[in-house]
Amino acid sequence: MIAVPFYGIQNSAYRSELFICSFKRLKNPMGRRHWKIKVVSDELSIQRLTDSLNISPILARLLVLRDIKTFNQAKQFFRPSIESLHDPFLLDQMESATTRVITALTENQKICIYGDYDVDGTCATALLYMFLKELDANVEFYIPRRLEEGYGISTTAIDIVKEKGTQLMIAVDCGITAITETDYANKLGIDVSFAIIINQKMTFQKPLLFLIL
């Protein structure tokens, strides 16, 4: 076990935090585990992709497992275009969500992007922030401090966001189970939209919001 002090952050709570890194199995990080690729009976498609794309048979096999069997299908997979994307309005409540954002833009309402502190959360926050800035939106962002606030949306953070005059809060990469917190934000007059990707089936009661992606 190696304790590594985390430098460079001004907050004392962060400075005092020690990140404990465990380096096990340095010679073989994967241990005794080995990747096992599912057997594919369509060897002809594998060979065609291997030859036409000049790729390894393993990569060709993985493509076939994704039902990508021709050169054009592979090209679309590796080099997708805007035209090849599905219509975003196939998503439930997308029209309501876009209408709400447009209202915030036209009426210069304060928008707050509430992001998570991990890599995909900060990236999602940055992308959405820059996009809305290009539209001259009255927008800012809020990312909770991991050690002090923990993960996800909190009522404390909502109070901070409310004090800044926020009328629309868009949560990215967090908040999917924040039922109580979302209800609290709604009571303060903040509309909440969740722009997060989920795979699990929604089985809980949804709070008042405009979109869950």
N, C-alpha and C. Protein backbone atom coordinates (compact mmCIF):
# COMPACT_ATOMS: atom_id res chain seq x y z
N MET A 1 0.85 -1.20 0.00
CA MET A 1 0.00 0.00 0.00
C MET A 1 0.88 1.25 0.00
N ILE A 2 0.52 2.23 -0.84
CA ILE A 2 1.30 3.47 -0.93
C ILE A 2 0.36 4.64 -0.73
N ALA A 3 0.67 5.52 0.23
CA ALA A 3 -0.14 6.71 0.46
C ALA A 3 0.44 7.87 -0.32
N VAL A 4 -0.39 8.47 -1.15
CA VAL A 4 0.08 9.57 -2.00
C VAL A 4 -0.65 10.84 -1.61
N PRO A 5 0.02 11.87 -1.08
CA PRO A 5 -0.66 13.13 -0.73
C PRO A 5 -1.12 13.84 -1.99
N PHE A 6 -2.30 14.45 -1.91
CA PHE A 6 -2.89 15.12 -3.06
C PHE A 6 -2.59 16.61 -2.95
N TYR A 7 -1.70 17.11 -3.80
CA TYR A 7 -1.27 18.50 -3.74
C TYR A 7 -2.02 19.37 -4.75
N GLY A 8 -1.87 20.67 -4.59
CA GLY A 8 -2.30 21.61 -5.62
C GLY A 8 -3.70 22.14 -5.47
N ILE A 9 -4.47 21.70 -4.50
CA ILE A 9 -5.82 22.21 -4.31
C ILE A 9 -5.85 23.01 -3.02
N GLN A 10 -6.43 24.20 -3.09
CA GLN A 10 -6.34 25.14 -1.98
C GLN A 10 -7.17 24.71 -0.78
N ASN A 11 -8.31 24.08 -1.03
CA ASN A 11 -9.19 23.73 0.07
C ASN A 11 -8.49 22.79 1.05
N SER A 12 -8.56 23.11 2.36
CA SER A 12 -7.84 22.33 3.36
C SER A 12 -8.34 20.90 3.43
N ALA A 13 -9.64 20.72 3.18
CA ALA A 13 -10.18 19.36 3.23
C ALA A 13 -9.57 18.49 2.14
N TYR A 14 -9.30 19.11 1.02
CA TYR A 14 -8.67 18.36 -0.07
C TYR A 14 -7.18 18.15 0.20
N ARG A 15 -6.53 19.16 0.75
CA ARG A 15 -5.09 19.04 1.01
C ARG A 15 -4.80 17.93 1.99
N SER A 16 -5.71 17.75 2.95
CA SER A 16 -5.48 16.75 3.98
C SER A 16 -5.85 15.34 3.53
N GLU A 17 -6.52 15.26 2.38
CA GLU A 17 -6.95 13.94 1.89
C GLU A 17 -5.76 13.15 1.37
N LEU A 18 -5.68 11.89 1.74
CA LEU A 18 -4.66 10.99 1.22
C LEU A 18 -5.32 9.97 0.33
N PHE A 19 -4.79 9.88 -0.88
CA PHE A 19 -5.31 8.88 -1.81
C PHE A 19 -4.49 7.60 -1.64
N ILE A 20 -5.14 6.56 -1.21
CA ILE A 20 -4.47 5.29 -0.96
C ILE A 20 -4.56 4.43 -2.21
N CYS A 21 -3.40 4.17 -2.77
CA CYS A 21 -3.34 3.40 -4.01
C CYS A 21 -2.79 2.02 -3.71
N SER A 22 -3.50 1.04 -4.08
CA SER A 22 -3.05 -0.33 -3.88
C SER A 22 -2.52 -0.88 -5.19
N PHE A 23 -1.23 -1.26 -5.20
CA PHE A 23 -0.62 -1.79 -6.41
C PHE A 23 -0.42 -3.30 -6.25
N LYS A 24 -1.40 -4.01 -6.68
CA LYS A 24 -1.33 -5.46 -6.59
C LYS A 24 -1.13 -6.06 -7.98
N ARG A 25 -0.45 -7.15 -7.98
CA ARG A 25 -0.23 -7.87 -9.23
C ARG A 25 0.41 -6.96 -10.28
N LEU A 26 1.50 -6.28 -9.91
CA LEU A 26 2.14 -5.34 -10.81
C LEU A 26 2.63 -6.02 -12.08
N LYS A 27 3.08 -7.24 -11.95
CA LYS A 27 3.59 -7.92 -13.13
C LYS A 27 2.46 -8.30 -14.08
N ASN A 28 1.28 -8.51 -13.55
CA ASN A 28 0.14 -8.88 -14.37
C ASN A 28 -1.11 -8.23 -13.79
N PRO A 29 -1.39 -6.95 -14.18
CA PRO A 29 -2.50 -6.21 -13.61
C PRO A 29 -3.85 -6.91 -13.76
N MET A 30 -3.98 -7.71 -14.81
CA MET A 30 -5.25 -8.38 -15.04
C MET A 30 -5.38 -9.68 -14.24
N GLY A 31 -4.32 -10.01 -13.46
CA GLY A 31 -4.37 -11.24 -12.71
C GLY A 31 -4.37 -12.45 -13.63
N ARG A 32 -5.20 -13.39 -13.32
CA ARG A 32 -5.28 -14.60 -14.14
C ARG A 32 -6.45 -14.56 -15.11
N ARG A 33 -7.09 -13.42 -15.21
CA ARG A 33 -8.24 -13.31 -16.09
C ARG A 33 -7.80 -13.13 -17.55
N HIS A 34 -8.57 -13.70 -18.44
CA HIS A 34 -8.28 -13.57 -19.86
C HIS A 34 -9.58 -13.23 -20.60
N TRP A 35 -9.44 -12.38 -21.62
CA TRP A 35 -10.59 -12.03 -22.44
C TRP A 35 -11.00 -13.24 -23.27
N LYS A 36 -12.28 -13.53 -23.28
CA LYS A 36 -12.82 -14.61 -24.11
C LYS A 36 -13.84 -14.03 -25.07
N ILE A 37 -13.52 -14.07 -26.34
CA ILE A 37 -14.40 -13.51 -27.36
C ILE A 37 -15.43 -14.56 -27.77
N LYS A 38 -16.65 -14.15 -27.84
CA LYS A 38 -17.74 -15.05 -28.19
C LYS A 38 -17.50 -15.66 -29.57
N VAL A 39 -17.83 -16.92 -29.69
CA VAL A 39 -17.64 -17.63 -30.95
C VAL A 39 -18.60 -17.09 -32.00
N VAL A 40 -18.07 -16.85 -33.21
CA VAL A 40 -18.87 -16.37 -34.33
C VAL A 40 -18.78 -17.39 -35.46
N SER A 41 -19.93 -17.80 -35.94
CA SER A 41 -19.94 -18.82 -37.00
C SER A 41 -19.75 -18.23 -38.38
N ASP A 42 -19.98 -16.91 -38.51
CA ASP A 42 -19.88 -16.26 -39.82
C ASP A 42 -18.42 -15.90 -40.12
N GLU A 43 -17.63 -16.89 -40.41
CA GLU A 43 -16.21 -16.66 -40.67
C GLU A 43 -15.99 -15.90 -41.97
N LEU A 44 -16.92 -16.02 -42.92
CA LEU A 44 -16.78 -15.33 -44.20
C LEU A 44 -16.81 -13.81 -44.01
N SER A 45 -17.75 -13.32 -43.20
CA SER A 45 -17.84 -11.88 -42.93
C SER A 45 -16.61 -11.39 -42.19
N ILE A 46 -16.09 -12.21 -41.29
CA ILE A 46 -14.88 -11.84 -40.55
C ILE A 46 -13.71 -11.67 -41.51
N GLN A 47 -13.57 -12.61 -42.43
CA GLN A 47 -12.47 -12.53 -43.39
C GLN A 47 -12.62 -11.35 -44.33
N ARG A 48 -13.85 -11.07 -44.74
CA ARG A 48 -14.09 -9.93 -45.63
C ARG A 48 -13.72 -8.61 -44.95
N LEU A 49 -14.13 -8.46 -43.70
CA LEU A 49 -13.80 -7.24 -42.97
C LEU A 49 -12.30 -7.14 -42.73
N THR A 50 -11.68 -8.24 -42.41
CA THR A 50 -10.23 -8.25 -42.19
C THR A 50 -9.49 -7.77 -43.43
N ASP A 51 -9.92 -8.23 -44.60
CA ASP A 51 -9.25 -7.86 -45.85
C ASP A 51 -9.61 -6.45 -46.29
N SER A 52 -10.89 -6.09 -46.26
CA SER A 52 -11.32 -4.80 -46.79
C SER A 52 -10.90 -3.62 -45.92
N LEU A 53 -10.83 -3.86 -44.60
CA LEU A 53 -10.47 -2.78 -43.68
C LEU A 53 -9.01 -2.84 -43.23
N ASN A 54 -8.35 -3.93 -43.59
CA ASN A 54 -6.96 -4.13 -43.18
C ASN A 54 -6.83 -4.08 -41.66
N ILE A 55 -7.69 -4.86 -41.00
CA ILE A 55 -7.69 -4.90 -39.55
C ILE A 55 -7.43 -6.34 -39.09
N SER A 56 -7.25 -6.50 -37.80
CA SER A 56 -6.97 -7.83 -37.27
C SER A 56 -8.24 -8.68 -37.27
N PRO A 57 -8.11 -9.98 -37.34
CA PRO A 57 -9.28 -10.86 -37.26
C PRO A 57 -10.06 -10.70 -35.96
N ILE A 58 -9.37 -10.38 -34.88
CA ILE A 58 -10.06 -10.18 -33.60
C ILE A 58 -10.99 -8.99 -33.68
N LEU A 59 -10.50 -7.87 -34.21
CA LEU A 59 -11.34 -6.68 -34.35
C LEU A 59 -12.50 -6.95 -35.30
N ALA A 60 -12.23 -7.65 -36.39
CA ALA A 60 -13.29 -8.00 -37.34
C ALA A 60 -14.35 -8.86 -36.66
N ARG A 61 -13.92 -9.78 -35.80
CA ARG A 61 -14.86 -10.65 -35.08
C ARG A 61 -15.75 -9.82 -34.14
N LEU A 62 -15.16 -8.84 -33.48
CA LEU A 62 -15.93 -7.98 -32.59
C LEU A 62 -16.96 -7.16 -33.37
N LEU A 63 -16.59 -6.72 -34.56
CA LEU A 63 -17.54 -5.98 -35.40
C LEU A 63 -18.71 -6.86 -35.81
N VAL A 64 -18.42 -8.08 -36.21
CA VAL A 64 -19.48 -9.00 -36.61
C VAL A 64 -20.41 -9.28 -35.45
N LEU A 65 -19.87 -9.35 -34.25
CA LEU A 65 -20.70 -9.55 -33.06
C LEU A 65 -21.65 -8.38 -32.85
N ARG A 66 -21.29 -7.22 -33.37
CA ARG A 66 -22.17 -6.04 -33.32
C ARG A 66 -23.06 -5.96 -34.55
N ASP A 67 -23.08 -7.04 -35.33
CA ASP A 67 -23.87 -7.13 -36.55
C ASP A 67 -23.38 -6.13 -37.61
N ILE A 68 -22.10 -5.85 -37.59
CA ILE A 68 -21.46 -5.02 -38.61
C ILE A 68 -20.66 -5.97 -39.50
N LYS A 69 -21.17 -6.19 -40.71
CA LYS A 69 -20.61 -7.24 -41.54
C LYS A 69 -20.09 -6.77 -42.90
N THR A 70 -20.34 -5.51 -43.25
CA THR A 70 -19.89 -5.01 -44.55
C THR A 70 -18.98 -3.80 -44.37
N PHE A 71 -18.28 -3.47 -45.45
CA PHE A 71 -17.38 -2.32 -45.43
C PHE A 71 -18.13 -1.03 -45.12
N ASN A 72 -19.29 -0.84 -45.76
CA ASN A 72 -20.06 0.39 -45.55
C ASN A 72 -20.59 0.49 -44.13
N GLN A 73 -21.02 -0.65 -43.57
CA GLN A 73 -21.48 -0.64 -42.18
C GLN A 73 -20.34 -0.29 -41.23
N ALA A 74 -19.16 -0.82 -41.50
CA ALA A 74 -18.00 -0.52 -40.67
C ALA A 74 -17.60 0.95 -40.80
N LYS A 75 -17.67 1.47 -42.02
CA LYS A 75 -17.33 2.88 -42.24
C LYS A 75 -18.27 3.80 -41.46
N GLN A 76 -19.56 3.47 -41.48
CA GLN A 76 -20.52 4.28 -40.74
C GLN A 76 -20.29 4.17 -39.24
N PHE A 77 -19.83 3.00 -38.79
CA PHE A 77 -19.57 2.79 -37.36
C PHE A 77 -18.35 3.58 -36.91
N PHE A 78 -17.27 3.55 -37.69
CA PHE A 78 -16.03 4.23 -37.30
C PHE A 78 -16.05 5.72 -37.63
N ARG A 79 -16.80 6.10 -38.65
CA ARG A 79 -16.88 7.51 -39.05
C ARG A 79 -18.33 7.95 -39.15
N PRO A 80 -19.01 8.04 -38.03
CA PRO A 80 -20.43 8.41 -38.07
C PRO A 80 -20.63 9.86 -38.49
N SER A 81 -21.77 10.15 -39.03
CA SER A 81 -22.13 11.51 -39.44
C SER A 81 -23.39 11.94 -38.72
N ILE A 82 -23.66 13.23 -38.75
CA ILE A 82 -24.88 13.75 -38.13
C ILE A 82 -26.10 13.11 -38.75
N GLU A 83 -26.04 12.91 -40.07
CA GLU A 83 -27.18 12.34 -40.78
C GLU A 83 -27.50 10.92 -40.33
N SER A 84 -26.52 10.21 -39.81
CA SER A 84 -26.74 8.81 -39.42
C SER A 84 -27.31 8.68 -38.02
N LEU A 85 -27.40 9.78 -37.29
CA LEU A 85 -27.93 9.73 -35.93
C LEU A 85 -29.46 9.63 -35.95
N HIS A 86 -30.00 9.05 -34.91
CA HIS A 86 -31.45 8.97 -34.79
C HIS A 86 -32.02 10.35 -34.49
N ASP A 87 -33.26 10.57 -34.83
CA ASP A 87 -33.95 11.81 -34.52
C ASP A 87 -34.02 11.97 -33.00
N PRO A 88 -33.42 13.01 -32.43
CA PRO A 88 -33.43 13.17 -30.96
C PRO A 88 -34.83 13.32 -30.40
N PHE A 89 -35.78 13.73 -31.23
CA PHE A 89 -37.14 13.92 -30.74
C PHE A 89 -37.91 12.60 -30.60
N LEU A 90 -37.23 11.49 -30.89
CA LEU A 90 -37.80 10.20 -30.57
C LEU A 90 -37.74 9.95 -29.06
N LEU A 91 -36.89 10.70 -28.37
CA LEU A 91 -36.80 10.59 -26.91
C LEU A 91 -38.03 11.18 -26.25
N ASP A 92 -38.53 10.49 -25.25
CA ASP A 92 -39.70 10.96 -24.54
C ASP A 92 -39.43 12.30 -23.87
N GLN A 93 -40.35 13.25 -24.02
CA GLN A 93 -40.31 14.57 -23.38
C GLN A 93 -39.25 15.49 -23.97
N MET A 94 -38.63 15.11 -25.09
CA MET A 94 -37.61 15.96 -25.69
C MET A 94 -38.19 17.32 -26.11
N GLU A 95 -39.39 17.31 -26.67
CA GLU A 95 -40.00 18.57 -27.10
C GLU A 95 -40.23 19.51 -25.92
N SER A 96 -40.70 18.96 -24.82
CA SER A 96 -40.93 19.79 -23.63
C SER A 96 -39.61 20.34 -23.10
N ALA A 97 -38.56 19.51 -23.13
CA ALA A 97 -37.26 19.93 -22.61
C ALA A 97 -36.66 21.05 -23.47
N THR A 98 -36.69 20.87 -24.79
CA THR A 98 -36.13 21.90 -25.67
C THR A 98 -36.93 23.19 -25.58
N THR A 99 -38.23 23.06 -25.46
CA THR A 99 -39.07 24.26 -25.32
C THR A 99 -38.71 25.01 -24.05
N ARG A 100 -38.44 24.27 -22.96
CA ARG A 100 -38.08 24.91 -21.70
C ARG A 100 -36.73 25.63 -21.80
N VAL A 101 -35.77 25.00 -22.48
CA VAL A 101 -34.46 25.64 -22.65
C VAL A 101 -34.57 26.88 -23.53
N ILE A 102 -35.37 26.79 -24.59
CA ILE A 102 -35.57 27.94 -25.48
C ILE A 102 -36.21 29.09 -24.72
N THR A 103 -37.16 28.76 -23.85
CA THR A 103 -37.78 29.80 -23.02
C THR A 103 -36.74 30.49 -22.14
N ALA A 104 -35.87 29.69 -21.54
CA ALA A 104 -34.81 30.25 -20.69
C ALA A 104 -33.88 31.15 -21.50
N LEU A 105 -33.59 30.75 -22.73
CA LEU A 105 -32.70 31.55 -23.59
C LEU A 105 -33.36 32.87 -23.99
N THR A 106 -34.59 32.81 -24.44
CA THR A 106 -35.27 34.01 -24.94
C THR A 106 -35.61 34.99 -23.82
N GLU A 107 -35.85 34.48 -22.62
CA GLU A 107 -36.21 35.35 -21.50
C GLU A 107 -35.01 35.64 -20.60
N ASN A 108 -33.81 35.22 -21.03
CA ASN A 108 -32.57 35.46 -20.29
C ASN A 108 -32.65 34.95 -18.86
N GLN A 109 -33.27 33.82 -18.68
CA GLN A 109 -33.35 33.20 -17.36
C GLN A 109 -32.01 32.56 -17.00
N LYS A 110 -31.71 32.53 -15.72
CA LYS A 110 -30.46 31.94 -15.26
C LYS A 110 -30.57 30.41 -15.34
N ILE A 111 -29.61 29.81 -16.04
CA ILE A 111 -29.51 28.35 -16.17
C ILE A 111 -28.28 27.89 -15.40
N CYS A 112 -28.44 26.83 -14.64
CA CYS A 112 -27.31 26.24 -13.93
C CYS A 112 -27.15 24.78 -14.35
N ILE A 113 -25.96 24.44 -14.80
CA ILE A 113 -25.65 23.05 -15.13
C ILE A 113 -25.04 22.41 -13.90
N TYR A 114 -25.72 21.42 -13.38
CA TYR A 114 -25.27 20.74 -12.16
C TYR A 114 -24.59 19.45 -12.58
N GLY A 115 -23.26 19.40 -12.42
CA GLY A 115 -22.51 18.26 -12.90
C GLY A 115 -21.92 17.42 -11.79
N ASP A 116 -21.48 16.24 -12.17
CA ASP A 116 -20.77 15.37 -11.24
C ASP A 116 -19.28 15.72 -11.29
N TYR A 117 -18.53 15.28 -10.27
CA TYR A 117 -17.12 15.65 -10.19
C TYR A 117 -16.19 14.67 -10.88
N ASP A 118 -16.73 13.58 -11.45
CA ASP A 118 -15.84 12.64 -12.12
C ASP A 118 -15.58 13.08 -13.57
N VAL A 119 -14.86 12.26 -14.31
CA VAL A 119 -14.42 12.67 -15.65
C VAL A 119 -15.58 12.92 -16.59
N ASP A 120 -16.52 11.96 -16.68
CA ASP A 120 -17.63 12.16 -17.61
C ASP A 120 -18.56 13.27 -17.14
N GLY A 121 -18.66 13.46 -15.84
CA GLY A 121 -19.50 14.54 -15.33
C GLY A 121 -18.94 15.92 -15.65
N THR A 122 -17.64 16.10 -15.45
CA THR A 122 -17.02 17.40 -15.76
C THR A 122 -17.00 17.65 -17.27
N CYS A 123 -16.78 16.59 -18.05
CA CYS A 123 -16.80 16.76 -19.51
C CYS A 123 -18.19 17.16 -20.00
N ALA A 124 -19.22 16.48 -19.47
CA ALA A 124 -20.59 16.81 -19.85
C ALA A 124 -20.94 18.24 -19.46
N THR A 125 -20.50 18.63 -18.27
CA THR A 125 -20.74 20.01 -17.82
C THR A 125 -20.08 21.02 -18.74
N ALA A 126 -18.82 20.76 -19.09
CA ALA A 126 -18.08 21.69 -19.94
C ALA A 126 -18.70 21.79 -21.33
N LEU A 127 -19.08 20.65 -21.91
CA LEU A 127 -19.66 20.65 -23.25
C LEU A 127 -20.97 21.42 -23.29
N LEU A 128 -21.85 21.15 -22.33
CA LEU A 128 -23.14 21.83 -22.31
C LEU A 128 -22.98 23.31 -21.99
N TYR A 129 -22.06 23.63 -21.09
CA TYR A 129 -21.81 25.03 -20.75
C TYR A 129 -21.32 25.81 -21.97
N MET A 130 -20.35 25.25 -22.68
CA MET A 130 -19.81 25.95 -23.85
C MET A 130 -20.85 26.09 -24.96
N PHE A 131 -21.68 25.05 -25.13
CA PHE A 131 -22.73 25.13 -26.14
C PHE A 131 -23.72 26.24 -25.83
N LEU A 132 -24.18 26.30 -24.57
CA LEU A 132 -25.14 27.33 -24.19
C LEU A 132 -24.52 28.72 -24.23
N LYS A 133 -23.23 28.82 -23.92
CA LYS A 133 -22.54 30.10 -24.01
C LYS A 133 -22.51 30.61 -25.45
N GLU A 134 -22.36 29.67 -26.40
CA GLU A 134 -22.38 30.05 -27.82
C GLU A 134 -23.73 30.66 -28.20
N LEU A 135 -24.77 30.30 -27.47
CA LEU A 135 -26.11 30.83 -27.72
C LEU A 135 -26.41 32.06 -26.85
N ASP A 136 -25.35 32.60 -26.22
CA ASP A 136 -25.48 33.78 -25.35
C ASP A 136 -26.42 33.53 -24.17
N ALA A 137 -26.40 32.32 -23.66
CA ALA A 137 -27.25 31.99 -22.53
C ALA A 137 -26.69 32.58 -21.24
N ASN A 138 -27.59 32.87 -20.33
CA ASN A 138 -27.22 33.30 -18.98
C ASN A 138 -27.00 32.03 -18.17
N VAL A 139 -25.82 31.46 -18.26
CA VAL A 139 -25.58 30.12 -17.73
C VAL A 139 -24.33 30.08 -16.86
N GLU A 140 -24.37 29.24 -15.85
CA GLU A 140 -23.21 28.94 -15.05
C GLU A 140 -23.29 27.47 -14.66
N PHE A 141 -22.29 26.98 -13.93
CA PHE A 141 -22.29 25.57 -13.57
C PHE A 141 -21.98 25.39 -12.09
N TYR A 142 -22.35 24.22 -11.61
CA TYR A 142 -22.07 23.89 -10.21
C TYR A 142 -21.62 22.43 -10.15
N ILE A 143 -20.44 22.21 -9.59
CA ILE A 143 -19.93 20.86 -9.38
C ILE A 143 -19.63 20.71 -7.89
N PRO A 144 -20.28 19.79 -7.22
CA PRO A 144 -20.08 19.65 -5.77
C PRO A 144 -18.68 19.19 -5.41
N ARG A 145 -18.21 19.61 -4.25
CA ARG A 145 -16.92 19.15 -3.74
C ARG A 145 -17.09 17.75 -3.15
N ARG A 146 -16.30 16.85 -3.64
CA ARG A 146 -16.48 15.44 -3.32
C ARG A 146 -16.43 15.16 -1.82
N LEU A 147 -15.42 15.71 -1.14
CA LEU A 147 -15.22 15.39 0.27
C LEU A 147 -16.20 16.12 1.18
N GLU A 148 -16.60 17.29 0.79
CA GLU A 148 -17.46 18.10 1.65
C GLU A 148 -18.94 17.88 1.38
N GLU A 149 -19.31 17.64 0.12
CA GLU A 149 -20.72 17.55 -0.23
C GLU A 149 -21.15 16.15 -0.64
N GLY A 150 -20.19 15.32 -1.03
CA GLY A 150 -20.55 13.99 -1.48
C GLY A 150 -21.07 13.98 -2.90
N TYR A 151 -21.61 12.82 -3.28
CA TYR A 151 -22.06 12.63 -4.65
C TYR A 151 -23.50 13.10 -4.84
N GLY A 152 -23.77 13.62 -6.02
CA GLY A 152 -25.15 13.89 -6.41
C GLY A 152 -25.67 15.25 -5.98
N ILE A 153 -26.96 15.44 -6.22
CA ILE A 153 -27.63 16.70 -5.90
C ILE A 153 -27.99 16.73 -4.41
N SER A 154 -27.73 17.85 -3.77
CA SER A 154 -28.06 18.01 -2.35
C SER A 154 -28.90 19.27 -2.16
N THR A 155 -29.66 19.29 -1.09
CA THR A 155 -30.48 20.48 -0.82
C THR A 155 -29.59 21.68 -0.52
N THR A 156 -28.44 21.44 0.10
CA THR A 156 -27.51 22.54 0.36
C THR A 156 -27.06 23.20 -0.93
N ALA A 157 -26.71 22.38 -1.90
CA ALA A 157 -26.28 22.91 -3.19
C ALA A 157 -27.43 23.62 -3.90
N ILE A 158 -28.64 23.09 -3.76
CA ILE A 158 -29.80 23.73 -4.38
C ILE A 158 -30.02 25.12 -3.79
N ASP A 159 -29.81 25.26 -2.48
CA ASP A 159 -29.93 26.58 -1.84
C ASP A 159 -28.91 27.56 -2.43
N ILE A 160 -27.69 27.07 -2.67
CA ILE A 160 -26.65 27.92 -3.26
C ILE A 160 -27.04 28.33 -4.66
N VAL A 161 -27.53 27.35 -5.43
CA VAL A 161 -27.95 27.62 -6.81
C VAL A 161 -29.11 28.60 -6.84
N LYS A 162 -30.05 28.44 -5.92
CA LYS A 162 -31.21 29.32 -5.84
C LYS A 162 -30.80 30.75 -5.53
N GLU A 163 -29.83 30.93 -4.61
CA GLU A 163 -29.36 32.27 -4.24
C GLU A 163 -28.80 33.03 -5.43
N LYS A 164 -28.33 32.28 -6.42
CA LYS A 164 -27.78 32.92 -7.63
C LYS A 164 -28.85 33.24 -8.66
N GLY A 165 -30.11 32.97 -8.32
CA GLY A 165 -31.21 33.33 -9.20
C GLY A 165 -31.53 32.31 -10.27
N THR A 166 -31.12 31.07 -10.06
CA THR A 166 -31.34 30.03 -11.06
C THR A 166 -32.83 29.71 -11.21
N GLN A 167 -33.27 29.61 -12.46
CA GLN A 167 -34.64 29.23 -12.75
C GLN A 167 -34.74 27.88 -13.46
N LEU A 168 -33.64 27.47 -14.07
CA LEU A 168 -33.60 26.17 -14.73
C LEU A 168 -32.29 25.48 -14.37
N MET A 169 -32.37 24.29 -13.84
CA MET A 169 -31.18 23.51 -13.50
C MET A 169 -31.15 22.25 -14.35
N ILE A 170 -30.04 22.03 -15.04
CA ILE A 170 -29.86 20.85 -15.87
C ILE A 170 -28.79 19.98 -15.23
N ALA A 171 -29.18 18.81 -14.78
CA ALA A 171 -28.25 17.90 -14.11
C ALA A 171 -27.65 16.93 -15.13
N VAL A 172 -26.32 16.83 -15.13
CA VAL A 172 -25.64 15.91 -16.04
C VAL A 172 -24.84 14.90 -15.24
N ASP A 173 -25.03 13.63 -15.57
CA ASP A 173 -24.29 12.53 -14.95
C ASP A 173 -24.56 12.38 -13.46
N CYS A 174 -25.68 12.87 -12.99
CA CYS A 174 -26.05 12.70 -11.59
C CYS A 174 -27.52 13.05 -11.41
N GLY A 175 -28.05 12.68 -10.24
CA GLY A 175 -29.38 13.12 -9.86
C GLY A 175 -30.54 12.21 -10.24
N ILE A 176 -30.26 11.06 -10.85
CA ILE A 176 -31.35 10.23 -11.33
C ILE A 176 -32.25 9.72 -10.21
N THR A 177 -31.71 9.58 -9.01
CA THR A 177 -32.51 9.11 -7.87
C THR A 177 -32.79 10.22 -6.87
N ALA A 178 -32.48 11.46 -7.24
CA ALA A 178 -32.65 12.59 -6.31
C ALA A 178 -34.10 13.07 -6.30
N ILE A 179 -35.01 12.21 -5.87
CA ILE A 179 -36.43 12.54 -5.88
C ILE A 179 -36.73 13.67 -4.89
N THR A 180 -36.28 13.50 -3.66
CA THR A 180 -36.54 14.51 -2.62
C THR A 180 -35.91 15.84 -2.98
N GLU A 181 -34.68 15.79 -3.47
CA GLU A 181 -33.96 17.03 -3.80
C GLU A 181 -34.62 17.75 -4.98
N THR A 182 -35.09 16.99 -5.94
CA THR A 182 -35.76 17.61 -7.10
C THR A 182 -37.07 18.26 -6.68
N ASP A 183 -37.82 17.59 -5.84
CA ASP A 183 -39.05 18.19 -5.31
C ASP A 183 -38.74 19.47 -4.55
N TYR A 184 -37.65 19.45 -3.81
CA TYR A 184 -37.24 20.64 -3.06
C TYR A 184 -36.92 21.80 -4.01
N ALA A 185 -36.20 21.49 -5.09
CA ALA A 185 -35.87 22.52 -6.07
C ALA A 185 -37.12 23.07 -6.74
N ASN A 186 -38.07 22.18 -7.06
CA ASN A 186 -39.32 22.63 -7.67
C ASN A 186 -40.08 23.58 -6.76
N LYS A 187 -40.08 23.29 -5.45
CA LYS A 187 -40.79 24.16 -4.51
C LYS A 187 -40.14 25.54 -4.40
N LEU A 188 -38.84 25.60 -4.71
CA LEU A 188 -38.14 26.88 -4.70
C LEU A 188 -38.28 27.62 -6.03
N GLY A 189 -38.99 27.02 -6.96
CA GLY A 189 -39.21 27.67 -8.25
C GLY A 189 -38.16 27.34 -9.29
N ILE A 190 -37.39 26.28 -9.06
CA ILE A 190 -36.36 25.88 -10.02
C ILE A 190 -36.87 24.67 -10.80
N ASP A 191 -36.94 24.81 -12.11
CA ASP A 191 -37.27 23.66 -12.96
C ASP A 191 -36.02 22.80 -13.11
N VAL A 192 -36.21 21.50 -13.10
CA VAL A 192 -35.07 20.59 -13.18
C VAL A 192 -35.22 19.68 -14.38
N SER A 193 -34.14 19.58 -15.15
CA SER A 193 -34.09 18.65 -16.27
C SER A 193 -32.87 17.78 -16.11
N PHE A 194 -33.03 16.47 -16.27
CA PHE A 194 -31.92 15.53 -16.15
C PHE A 194 -31.43 15.15 -17.53
N ALA A 195 -30.21 15.55 -17.86
CA ALA A 195 -29.61 15.16 -19.13
C ALA A 195 -28.57 14.09 -18.84
N ILE A 196 -29.04 12.93 -18.44
CA ILE A 196 -28.14 11.85 -18.08
C ILE A 196 -28.55 10.57 -18.80
N ILE A 197 -27.58 9.72 -19.03
CA ILE A 197 -27.81 8.47 -19.75
C ILE A 197 -28.01 7.35 -18.75
N ILE A 198 -29.10 6.62 -18.88
CA ILE A 198 -29.36 5.50 -17.98
C ILE A 198 -29.74 4.27 -18.79
N ASN A 199 -29.47 3.12 -18.23
CA ASN A 199 -29.84 1.86 -18.86
C ASN A 199 -30.88 1.10 -18.05
N GLN A 200 -30.97 1.41 -16.77
CA GLN A 200 -31.90 0.68 -15.93
C GLN A 200 -33.32 1.17 -16.16
N LYS A 201 -34.28 0.31 -15.83
CA LYS A 201 -35.69 0.66 -15.99
C LYS A 201 -36.12 1.56 -14.85
N MET A 202 -36.86 2.61 -15.20
CA MET A 202 -37.33 3.53 -14.17
C MET A 202 -38.49 2.90 -13.42
N THR A 203 -38.31 2.65 -12.14
CA THR A 203 -39.36 2.01 -11.35
C THR A 203 -39.86 2.89 -10.21
N PHE A 204 -39.27 4.09 -10.07
CA PHE A 204 -39.67 4.95 -8.98
C PHE A 204 -40.56 6.09 -9.50
N GLN A 205 -41.19 6.78 -8.57
CA GLN A 205 -42.05 7.90 -8.93
C GLN A 205 -41.21 9.08 -9.38
N LYS A 206 -41.48 9.57 -10.56
CA LYS A 206 -40.71 10.70 -11.08
C LYS A 206 -41.15 12.01 -10.45
N PRO A 207 -40.22 12.87 -10.10
CA PRO A 207 -40.58 14.21 -9.63
C PRO A 207 -40.93 15.09 -10.82
N LEU A 208 -41.31 16.32 -10.55
CA LEU A 208 -41.62 17.27 -11.62
C LEU A 208 -40.33 17.64 -12.34
N LEU A 209 -40.25 17.30 -13.62
CA LEU A 209 -39.07 17.64 -14.40
C LEU A 209 -39.46 17.64 -15.87
N PHE A 210 -38.54 17.91 -16.74
CA PHE A 210 -38.84 18.02 -18.15
C PHE A 210 -38.27 16.91 -19.00
N LEU A 211 -37.16 16.33 -18.60
CA LEU A 211 -36.57 15.31 -19.44
C LEU A 211 -35.61 14.44 -18.66
N ILE A 212 -35.69 13.16 -18.91
CA ILE A 212 -34.66 12.23 -18.44
C ILE A 212 -34.15 11.50 -19.67
N LEU A 213 -32.87 11.64 -19.94
CA LEU A 213 -32.26 10.95 -21.09
C LEU A 213 -31.55 9.70 -20.60
